Protein backbone atom coordinates (compact mmCIF):
# COMPACT_ATOMS: atom_id res chain seq x y z
CA MET A 1 0.08 -0.37 -0.02
CA ALA A 2 1.44 3.56 -1.04
CA ALA A 3 2.66 4.77 2.39
CA GLY A 4 2.57 8.55 3.49
CA SER A 5 4.16 10.34 6.11
CA GLY A 6 3.04 10.69 9.77
CA ALA A 7 -0.21 9.50 10.57
CA GLY A 8 -0.53 8.25 6.70
CA SER A 9 2.09 5.95 7.20
CA GLU A 10 0.86 4.60 10.04
CA ILE A 11 -2.32 4.19 8.73
CA THR A 12 -1.05 2.16 6.09
CA ALA A 13 1.29 -0.05 8.69
CA LEU A 14 -2.17 -1.32 10.45
CA GLY A 15 -3.76 -1.79 6.85
CA GLU A 16 -0.93 -4.11 6.05
CA SER A 17 -0.73 -5.86 9.16
CA LEU A 18 -4.28 -6.30 9.29
CA GLN A 19 -3.88 -8.16 5.32
CA ALA A 20 -1.33 -10.19 7.26
CA TYR A 21 -3.99 -11.37 10.08
CA THR A 22 -6.67 -11.28 7.29
CA CYS A 23 -4.80 -14.05 5.48
CA ALA A 24 -3.93 -16.23 8.36
CA THR A 25 -7.73 -16.26 9.39
CA ARG A 26 -8.49 -17.75 5.52
CA GLN A 27 -5.77 -20.14 6.09
CA HIS A 28 -7.28 -21.23 9.67
CA ILE A 29 -10.84 -21.22 8.47
CA GLY A 30 -10.63 -23.01 5.16
CA LYS A 31 -12.66 -21.13 3.40
CA ASP A 32 -13.71 -17.23 1.96
CA LEU A 33 -14.62 -15.04 4.82
CA THR A 34 -17.17 -13.01 5.09
CA ASP A 35 -16.67 -10.63 7.96
CA ILE A 36 -14.04 -8.91 10.19
CA SER A 37 -15.59 -10.81 13.29
CA GLN A 38 -13.81 -13.74 11.87
CA VAL A 39 -10.59 -12.43 12.63
CA THR A 40 -9.37 -13.31 16.45
CA ASP A 41 -6.64 -14.01 18.35
CA LYS A 42 -7.27 -17.87 17.86
CA THR A 43 -7.19 -17.51 14.03
CA THR A 44 -4.00 -15.30 13.51
CA LYS A 45 -1.42 -17.66 15.12
CA ASP A 46 0.23 -17.44 11.73
CA ALA A 47 0.49 -14.25 11.21
CA ASN A 48 3.56 -12.41 12.43
CA CYS A 49 3.42 -8.80 12.26
CA ASP A 50 4.69 -5.37 13.69
CA ARG A 51 1.42 -4.14 14.48
CA GLU A 52 -1.33 -5.38 17.04
CA LEU A 53 -4.38 -6.94 16.07
CA LYS A 54 -6.52 -5.18 18.51
CA GLU A 55 -4.72 -2.08 17.36
CA CYS A 56 -5.08 -2.77 13.57
CA LEU A 57 -9.20 -3.48 14.63
CA SER A 58 -9.77 -0.32 16.46
CA LYS A 59 -7.68 1.97 14.46
CA LEU A 60 -9.42 1.19 11.22
CA GLY A 61 -12.58 1.05 9.87
CA GLU A 62 -15.33 -0.84 7.47
CA ASP A 63 -13.45 0.46 4.35
CA TRP A 64 -9.95 -1.21 5.36
CA PHE A 65 -12.33 -4.42 6.79
CA TYR A 66 -13.73 -4.87 3.16
CA SER A 67 -10.37 -4.48 1.44
CA ALA A 68 -8.60 -6.92 4.04
CA ILE A 69 -11.64 -9.34 3.53
CA VAL A 70 -11.76 -9.60 -0.29
CA THR A 71 -8.24 -9.31 -0.85
CA ALA A 72 -7.35 -12.03 1.60
CA ASN A 73 -10.26 -14.29 -0.52
CA MET A 74 -8.71 -13.16 -4.04
CA ILE A 75 -4.72 -14.41 -2.36
CA PHE A 76 -6.03 -17.93 -1.55
CA LYS A 77 -7.49 -18.61 -4.95
CA ASP A 78 -4.59 -17.22 -6.48
CA ILE A 79 -1.99 -19.68 -4.54
CA LYS A 80 -1.90 -23.32 -5.73
CA LYS A 81 -0.46 -24.53 -2.58
CA ASN A 82 -2.67 -22.56 -0.01
CA LYS A 83 -1.94 -24.49 3.17
CA GLY A 84 0.93 -23.67 5.42
CA PHE A 85 1.89 -20.45 5.28
CA VAL A 86 2.74 -17.91 7.70
CA PHE A 87 1.97 -13.93 7.06
CA TYR A 88 5.02 -11.46 7.38
CA ARG A 89 4.37 -7.58 7.71
CA GLY A 90 7.88 -6.43 9.16
CA GLY A 91 9.82 -8.70 11.15
CA GLU A 92 13.02 -10.39 10.89
CA LEU A 93 12.48 -12.61 7.85
CA PRO A 94 11.35 -9.33 5.37
CA LYS A 95 14.48 -7.44 7.13
CA LYS A 96 16.78 -10.30 5.76
CA ILE A 97 15.45 -10.38 2.22
CA TYR A 98 15.89 -6.70 1.99
CA LYS A 99 18.94 -6.47 3.39
CA CYS A 100 20.33 -9.21 0.76
CA PHE A 101 18.84 -7.19 -1.93
CA LEU A 102 21.34 -3.85 -0.41
CA LYS A 103 24.59 -5.57 -0.87
CA PHE A 104 23.82 -5.19 -4.44
CA LYS A 105 21.97 -2.23 -4.61
CA LYS A 106 24.83 0.12 -6.06
CA GLU A 107 25.26 -2.46 -9.06
CA SER A 108 21.17 -2.54 -9.94
CA GLY A 109 20.71 1.28 -10.61
CA ILE A 110 17.41 1.07 -8.45
CA SER A 111 17.06 4.16 -5.87
CA ASN A 112 15.61 1.82 -2.86
CA GLU A 113 14.26 -1.49 -2.45
CA ASN A 114 10.56 -0.72 -3.10
CA LYS A 115 11.33 -0.19 -6.81
CA TRP A 116 13.39 -3.98 -6.39
CA ASN A 117 10.18 -5.42 -4.78
CA PRO A 118 7.38 -3.65 -3.38
CA ALA A 119 5.96 -6.22 -1.12
CA ASP A 120 3.99 -5.12 1.96
CA ILE A 121 3.33 -8.73 3.37
CA TRP A 122 5.03 -12.04 2.62
CA ALA A 123 3.52 -15.19 2.25
CA VAL A 124 6.13 -18.10 3.64
CA ARG A 125 5.97 -21.04 4.06
CA LYS A 126 6.20 -22.78 7.46
CA GLY A 127 9.89 -24.57 7.96
CA PHE A 128 10.81 -21.99 4.91
CA ILE A 129 14.58 -20.63 5.49
CA PHE A 130 15.74 -17.79 3.34
CA ASP A 131 19.00 -18.32 2.18
CA GLU A 132 20.77 -15.05 2.37
CA GLU A 133 24.39 -16.39 0.60
CA GLN A 134 23.44 -15.16 -2.52
CA GLU A 135 26.51 -14.20 -4.76
CA SER A 136 24.59 -11.56 -7.33
CA LEU A 137 21.71 -9.63 -7.92
CA ARG A 138 20.81 -11.92 -10.54
CA ASP A 139 21.02 -14.89 -8.28
CA LEU A 140 19.04 -13.31 -5.77
CA ASN A 141 16.24 -12.60 -8.20
CA ARG A 142 16.41 -15.90 -9.74
CA TYR A 143 16.06 -17.45 -5.63
CA ILE A 144 12.97 -15.34 -5.43
CA PHE A 145 11.46 -16.30 -8.83
CA ASP A 146 11.90 -20.18 -8.37
CA ASN A 147 10.62 -20.04 -4.22
CA PHE A 148 7.71 -17.72 -5.81
CA HIS A 149 6.58 -20.20 -8.21
CA ASP A 150 7.40 -23.16 -5.82
CA CYS A 151 5.24 -21.41 -3.00
CA ASN A 152 8.02 -21.34 -0.84
CA LEU A 153 8.11 -17.31 -0.46
CA ILE A 154 5.59 -14.99 -1.98
CA GLY A 155 6.26 -11.13 -2.33
CA ILE A 156 2.78 -9.36 -1.88
CA SER A 157 1.95 -5.46 -2.71
CA LEU A 158 -1.36 -4.10 -1.75
CA LYS A 159 -3.17 -1.37 -2.82
CA LYS A 160 -6.55 -0.88 -0.71
CA VAL A 161 -9.90 -1.88 -2.41
CA PRO A 162 -12.50 0.36 -2.20
CA SER A 163 -16.23 -0.78 -0.93
CA LYS A 164 -18.04 -2.66 -3.49
CA TYR A 165 -15.08 -2.94 -6.14
CA THR A 166 -13.90 -6.09 -7.09
CA VAL A 167 -10.53 -7.13 -5.99
CA LYS A 168 -8.05 -7.92 -9.28
CA SER A 169 -4.45 -9.50 -8.87
CA LYS A 170 -1.18 -9.31 -11.28
CA ILE A 171 1.92 -10.83 -11.20
CA TYR A 172 5.02 -8.83 -12.36
CA ASN A 173 8.35 -9.42 -13.52
CA ASN A 174 7.38 -12.73 -14.01
CA GLY A 175 9.09 -12.70 -17.58
CA LYS A 176 7.96 -10.09 -20.30
CA PRO A 177 7.09 -7.13 -18.09
CA THR A 178 4.10 -5.25 -18.67
CA THR A 179 4.75 -2.01 -21.08
CA ALA A 180 3.61 1.25 -21.76
CA LYS A 181 3.32 3.38 -25.48
CA PHE A 182 3.61 7.07 -25.47
CA THR A 183 0.36 8.39 -26.57
CA ASN A 184 0.70 12.59 -25.59
CA PHE A 185 1.80 15.56 -23.92
CA ARG A 186 -0.33 17.30 -21.63
CA PRO A 187 0.67 20.43 -20.52
CA GLY A 188 -2.43 22.50 -20.25
CA LYS A 189 -4.42 24.47 -22.92
CA ASN A 190 -4.12 27.64 -20.99
CA MET A 191 -0.52 28.23 -19.35
CA ALA A 192 -1.77 29.27 -15.85
CA ASP A 193 -4.26 26.59 -15.46
CA SER A 194 -1.94 24.22 -13.74
CA LYS A 195 1.71 23.95 -12.66
CA ASP A 196 1.51 20.29 -13.92
CA ILE A 197 2.33 18.49 -16.86
CA TYR A 198 1.45 15.17 -17.99
CA ILE A 199 2.91 12.35 -20.61
CA GLU A 200 0.35 10.07 -21.61
CA PHE A 201 0.29 6.47 -21.69
CA GLU A 202 -1.54 3.47 -22.74
CA SER A 203 -0.60 0.40 -21.27
CA GLU A 204 -2.93 -3.09 -21.76
CA LYS A 205 -5.15 -0.80 -23.66
CA LYS A 206 -5.82 0.99 -20.60
CA PRO A 207 -4.91 5.02 -20.33
CA GLY A 208 -2.31 6.21 -17.54
CA GLU A 209 -0.49 9.30 -17.22
CA ILE A 210 3.07 10.28 -15.52
CA GLN A 211 2.66 13.33 -13.20
CA LEU A 212 5.59 15.87 -13.59
CA ARG A 213 5.66 18.66 -10.45
CA THR A 214 6.67 19.61 -7.21
CA PHE A 215 4.87 18.13 -4.03
CA SER A 216 5.55 21.31 -2.51
CA SER A 217 4.49 24.86 -2.02
CA ARG A 218 8.12 25.99 -2.09
CA PRO A 219 10.07 26.68 -5.63
CA ASP A 220 12.70 23.83 -4.62
CA PRO A 221 14.25 22.18 -7.30
CA SER A 222 15.27 19.40 -5.79
CA LEU A 223 11.65 18.54 -4.86
CA TRP A 224 10.61 18.25 -8.87
CA GLN A 225 9.13 14.77 -9.43
CA GLY A 226 7.37 12.32 -11.15
CA GLU A 227 3.98 10.21 -10.38
CA ILE A 228 2.72 7.27 -12.30
CA LYS A 229 -1.54 7.04 -12.58
CA GLY A 230 -3.48 4.63 -14.03
CA ARG A 231 -5.44 1.40 -13.10
CA THR A 232 -2.36 -0.62 -14.87
CA ALA A 233 0.71 0.64 -13.21
CA ALA A 234 1.77 -0.74 -9.71
CA GLY A 235 2.12 3.11 -9.11
CA GLY A 236 4.41 5.34 -7.04
CA LYS A 237 6.43 8.31 -7.45
CA ILE A 238 9.88 8.88 -9.22
CA GLY A 239 12.39 11.52 -8.66
CA GLY A 240 13.33 14.00 -10.36
CA GLY A 241 17.21 12.42 -10.39
CA LEU A 242 15.75 9.21 -12.16
CA LEU A 243 13.86 11.22 -14.71
CA ILE A 244 16.99 12.65 -15.84
CA LYS A 245 18.39 9.09 -15.83
CA ALA A 246 15.64 8.04 -17.95
CA ALA A 247 16.05 10.25 -20.48
CA LEU A 248 20.24 9.81 -20.37
CA GLU A 249 19.75 5.75 -20.93
CA CYS A 250 17.30 6.31 -23.69
CA GLY A 251 20.01 8.18 -25.64
CA ILE A 252 19.86 12.00 -25.08
CA SER A 253 23.13 13.56 -24.18
CA GLN A 254 23.75 15.21 -20.99
CA SER A 255 24.02 18.56 -22.88
CA LYS A 256 20.34 18.78 -24.14
CA LEU A 257 19.30 18.19 -20.64
CA LEU A 258 18.52 20.55 -17.86
CA ARG A 259 18.80 19.27 -14.27
CA PRO A 260 16.41 21.00 -12.04
CA GLN A 261 19.47 22.24 -9.69
CA GLN A 262 20.56 24.04 -13.11
CA PHE A 263 17.43 26.32 -13.10
CA VAL A 264 17.96 28.02 -9.64
CA SER A 265 19.19 31.38 -10.84
CA GLU A 266 16.36 31.45 -12.99
CA ILE A 267 13.73 31.41 -10.43
CA THR A 268 13.91 34.62 -8.97
CA LYS A 269 15.41 36.67 -11.75
CA PRO A 270 14.80 34.85 -14.87
CA LYS A 271 16.38 35.95 -18.42
CA GLU A 272 14.58 37.52 -21.16
CA GLU A 273 15.64 34.57 -23.49
CA THR A 274 14.36 32.42 -20.79
CA PHE A 275 10.99 33.52 -21.03
CA LYS A 276 11.27 33.53 -24.74
CA LYS A 277 12.49 29.86 -25.03
CA PHE A 278 9.70 28.89 -22.34
CA ALA A 279 6.95 30.56 -24.85
CA ILE A 280 8.17 28.52 -27.64
CA MET A 281 8.20 25.53 -25.92
CA PHE A 282 5.18 25.65 -24.70
CA LYS A 283 3.27 26.75 -27.62
CA GLU A 284 4.73 23.51 -29.64
CA LEU A 285 4.04 21.16 -26.86
CA SER A 286 0.44 22.67 -26.09
CA GLY A 287 -0.81 23.39 -29.53
CA SER A 288 -1.46 27.10 -28.27
CA LYS A 289 -2.55 29.26 -31.03
CA ASP A 290 -1.67 32.50 -28.58
CA LYS A 291 1.44 34.72 -30.47
CA ILE A 292 4.62 34.07 -28.90
CA GLU A 293 4.74 37.58 -27.56
CA ASN A 294 1.46 37.26 -25.45
CA LEU A 295 2.64 33.67 -24.28
CA ILE A 296 5.93 35.70 -23.13
CA LEU A 297 4.15 38.20 -21.35
CA GLU A 298 1.67 35.24 -19.95
CA ALA A 299 4.75 33.68 -18.48
CA LYS A 300 6.18 36.93 -17.05
CA MET A 301 3.00 37.77 -15.28
CA ASN A 302 2.97 34.03 -13.40
CA GLN A 303 6.10 33.86 -12.60
CA GLN A 304 5.82 37.29 -10.69
CA ARG A 305 2.60 35.66 -8.93
CA ASP A 306 3.94 32.08 -8.16
CA LYS A 307 7.63 31.16 -8.04
CA THR A 308 6.61 27.63 -7.68
CA TRP A 309 4.48 27.45 -10.42
CA TRP A 310 7.26 29.16 -12.76
CA LEU A 311 9.54 26.46 -11.36
CA THR A 312 7.33 23.71 -11.88
CA LYS A 313 5.99 24.39 -15.88
CA PHE A 314 9.28 25.43 -17.11
CA ILE A 315 11.17 22.21 -15.92
CA GLY A 316 8.10 19.80 -17.09
CA VAL A 317 7.71 21.64 -19.93
CA ASN A 318 11.53 21.54 -20.84
CA TYR A 319 11.87 18.09 -19.98
CA CYS A 320 8.84 17.11 -22.39
CA TYR A 321 9.82 19.73 -25.22
CA THR A 322 13.92 17.90 -25.02
CA ILE A 323 12.29 13.81 -25.19
CA MET A 324 10.07 15.10 -27.97
CA LYS A 325 12.97 17.06 -29.93
CA ASN A 326 15.15 13.87 -29.46
CA ASN A 327 12.42 11.60 -31.08
CA LYS A 328 12.74 9.72 -27.44
CA SER A 329 9.19 10.15 -26.26
CA ASN A 330 8.24 6.32 -26.19
CA GLU A 331 11.24 5.05 -24.83
CA VAL A 332 11.22 7.42 -22.12
CA THR A 333 7.93 7.21 -21.24
CA LYS A 334 8.30 3.11 -21.22
CA TRP A 335 11.39 3.59 -18.97
CA ILE A 336 10.00 5.90 -16.34
CA TYR A 337 6.81 3.35 -16.50
CA GLN A 338 8.41 0.41 -15.32
CA TYR A 339 10.69 2.18 -13.16
CA GLY A 340 7.66 3.10 -11.41
CA SER A 341 5.97 0.30 -11.26
CA SER A 342 9.02 -1.80 -9.87
CA GLN A 343 9.29 -3.47 -13.28
CA THR A 344 12.98 -2.70 -14.02
CA LYS A 345 15.37 -5.15 -15.66
CA ASN A 346 16.50 -5.64 -12.27
CA SER A 347 13.59 -5.88 -9.74
CA SER A 348 12.18 -9.26 -8.65
CA ILE A 349 8.72 -10.81 -9.08
CA PHE A 350 6.12 -9.86 -6.74
CA ILE A 351 2.36 -10.21 -6.85
CA LYS A 352 -0.28 -7.27 -6.62
CA TYR A 353 -3.93 -6.94 -5.36
CA GLY A 354 -5.96 -3.72 -6.14
CA VAL A 355 -8.52 -2.63 -8.00
């Protein structure tokens, strides 16, 4: 489940723990669950969580209960050998798994454990002992892959299922990755509508988008990043440094790219040529019928009004314009999609539940 900060991250931890307890109950009872009252201390012996059951039940509401029940029922439809598991949320075994990945993190090109394997809970066959003595990331991924299919070690990524929705599941990194095809840039028809820029794509015949923006009211270039949105994506944010890396790895030279920190001097005192460049890029990306002179004036007005808007809009427009002019729109979109949804060439197998 997507983690927040502060109280949000604690609710996420409780929700994931509740899911582990509910899975243990589904295993104990041996048939589909119908109500959260079935989840008790007696039915959850096979859950190993870092949050207590009573805390989960007292601090979460009916929406979380519904999600936990329908997801647990679906998990037991998917798992072939569906008896004899311990369900972990936190604890020593998941720590061992991610500690093993960290030995190879530098060579992986992956920024954090979540992009290697975003499992929120792990279903582990009783008696299974995780072998930490892996000699390479390739060996580790093969080991995770083989034990996933042998139903010994199953990483489960969760997304809360809203009431009355049907839960769906999908295995990621099981061979051929899910990919995305670029369809369009969306910088907004009117310049001042929003600071966001969108890269639209299609994946598995469903639309999605990559939102580029700073998630802050402060004009801080280091906070510029992307976020994947769409029902086919495993989801998540991707930092500005990785967006630049995507363009570089797809063949765009460093000299053609603007790194967010290079724009610092242009936030409060932009040069005249910067406004002109922005107007030209925006006009071509948006298809605006306005004259360049009018777009320059509008950009100046908006820069004076909101420095965060100016920073975010310029960097996003420049990024999209650059990949478009270098004919790399599809390659970069695919790279970002696969990284953001934990489907890099070095990511490991997991199964995701959501809508």
